[in-house]
């Protein structure tokens, strides 16, 4: 019996985000920082470097009420950086205001469906 690989492969990713108010300790999977939040991107970067060095990246955002997001870098291993950031911003803007400081839990699950030929 041999298994032959076919060219049919279908991959999908499901995103599940949970939003809540910022509290201490501040680190979950990501932090959304409003333009007039109590702490800005620089202070957030210093805090992250002190609490979890090398585990998060602070990304500046150019439009809207969101000034930056701090995201756990290991999440970029699961999907494209651009898709992940775009999705976070699309959903985060629904909750964020200029004064917001919102932590979010982000769970990524990947589903793969693959069909193979089986010689019997």
Protein backbone atom coordinates (compact mmCIF):
# COMPACT_ATOMS: atom_id res chain seq x y z
CA UNK A 1 0.00 0.00 0.00
CA UNK A 2 1.43 3.37 -0.94
CA UNK A 3 0.18 6.89 -0.31
CA UNK A 4 0.53 9.38 -3.13
CA UNK A 5 0.39 13.09 -2.53
CA UNK A 6 -2.06 14.98 -4.74
CA UNK A 7 -2.06 18.66 -5.55
CA UNK A 8 -5.31 19.29 -3.63
CA UNK A 9 -4.70 21.08 -0.34
CA UNK A 10 -6.95 23.52 1.49
CA UNK A 11 -5.79 25.56 4.49
CA UNK A 12 -7.90 27.88 6.61
CA UNK A 13 -7.17 29.87 9.75
CA UNK A 14 -9.76 30.77 12.39
CA UNK A 15 -9.20 33.82 14.57
CA UNK A 16 -10.81 34.30 17.94
CA UNK A 17 -10.21 37.55 19.84
CA UNK A 18 -11.32 38.54 23.33
CA UNK A 19 -11.21 42.23 24.28
CA UNK A 20 -11.18 43.70 27.80
CA UNK A 21 -10.04 46.76 29.72
CA UNK A 22 -6.35 47.18 30.47
CA UNK A 23 -5.16 46.13 33.94
CA UNK A 24 -2.00 44.92 35.66
CA UNK A 25 -0.21 42.77 34.75
CA UNK A 26 -0.79 44.17 31.27
CA UNK A 27 0.54 41.45 29.04
CA UNK A 28 -1.67 39.03 27.19
CA UNK A 29 -1.36 38.46 23.46
CA UNK A 30 -1.75 42.05 22.33
CA UNK A 31 -2.34 45.58 23.55
CA UNK A 32 -4.14 48.27 21.52
CA UNK A 33 -2.91 51.79 22.34
CA UNK A 34 -5.11 54.80 21.52
CA UNK A 35 -3.62 58.11 20.38
CA UNK A 36 -4.42 59.77 23.74
CA UNK A 37 -4.08 56.70 25.98
CA UNK A 38 -2.60 57.11 29.49
CA UNK A 39 0.63 55.52 28.24
CA UNK A 40 1.99 55.77 24.72
CA UNK A 41 4.02 53.45 22.50
CA UNK A 42 7.41 54.44 23.98
CA UNK A 43 6.31 53.83 27.57
CA UNK A 44 4.65 50.58 26.48
CA UNK A 45 7.89 49.46 24.83
CA UNK A 46 9.86 50.20 28.03
CA UNK A 47 7.29 48.32 30.13
CA UNK A 48 7.35 45.32 27.79
CA UNK A 49 11.14 45.25 27.71
CA UNK A 50 11.15 45.19 31.53
CA UNK A 51 8.42 42.54 31.92
CA UNK A 52 8.93 40.29 28.89
CA UNK A 53 12.07 41.19 26.95
CA UNK A 54 12.08 40.02 23.33
CA UNK A 55 8.58 38.55 23.44
CA UNK A 56 6.52 41.48 22.08
CA UNK A 57 6.79 44.01 19.28
CA UNK A 58 5.29 47.51 19.36
CA UNK A 59 3.96 48.47 15.93
CA UNK A 60 3.05 52.09 15.18
CA UNK A 61 -0.20 52.66 13.28
CA UNK A 62 -0.67 55.60 10.94
CA UNK A 63 -4.43 56.16 10.91
CA UNK A 64 -7.52 56.40 13.10
CA UNK A 65 -7.76 56.49 16.89
CA UNK A 66 -5.23 53.67 17.33
CA UNK A 67 -1.63 54.85 17.66
CA UNK A 68 0.06 51.48 18.11
CA UNK A 69 -0.37 47.82 18.94
CA UNK A 70 1.94 45.66 21.01
CA UNK A 71 1.76 42.05 19.87
CA UNK A 72 3.35 38.81 21.00
CA UNK A 73 5.92 38.01 18.29
CA UNK A 74 5.30 34.25 18.46
CA UNK A 75 1.87 34.87 16.84
CA UNK A 76 3.67 35.77 13.60
CA UNK A 77 4.77 32.11 13.35
CA UNK A 78 1.14 31.12 12.78
CA UNK A 79 0.12 33.44 9.96
CA UNK A 80 1.29 36.29 7.78
CA UNK A 81 2.31 39.37 9.73
CA UNK A 82 0.34 41.66 7.38
CA UNK A 83 -2.89 39.63 7.61
CA UNK A 84 -2.65 39.38 11.39
CA UNK A 85 -2.04 43.11 11.90
CA UNK A 86 -4.76 44.07 9.40
CA UNK A 87 -7.29 41.80 11.16
CA UNK A 88 -6.38 43.11 14.62
CA UNK A 89 -6.82 46.70 13.44
CA UNK A 90 -10.10 45.97 11.62
CA UNK A 91 -11.62 44.42 14.72
CA UNK A 92 -9.86 46.58 17.32
CA UNK A 93 -11.09 49.84 15.80
CA UNK A 94 -14.63 48.74 16.70
CA UNK A 95 -13.76 48.94 20.41
CA UNK A 96 -10.99 51.50 20.57
CA UNK A 97 -11.21 55.24 21.09
CA UNK A 98 -8.35 57.73 21.18
CA UNK A 99 -8.07 57.25 24.97
CA UNK A 100 -8.22 53.44 24.89
CA UNK A 101 -5.69 51.03 26.28
CA UNK A 102 -7.15 47.60 25.48
CA UNK A 103 -5.57 44.22 26.07
CA UNK A 104 -6.74 41.33 23.93
CA UNK A 105 -6.37 37.58 24.00
CA UNK A 106 -5.82 36.14 20.54
CA UNK A 107 -6.19 32.44 19.79
CA UNK A 108 -5.25 31.13 16.37
CA UNK A 109 -6.24 27.68 15.20
CA UNK A 110 -5.27 26.36 11.80
CA UNK A 111 -7.43 23.83 9.95
CA UNK A 112 -5.94 21.79 7.13
CA UNK A 113 -7.89 19.57 4.76
CA UNK A 114 -5.82 17.52 2.40
CA UNK A 115 -6.94 14.82 0.02
CA UNK A 116 -4.54 12.03 -0.96
CA UNK A 117 -4.76 9.06 -3.33
CA UNK A 118 -4.52 5.64 -1.74
CA UNK A 119 -3.36 2.67 -3.83
CA UNK A 120 -4.95 -0.51 -2.50
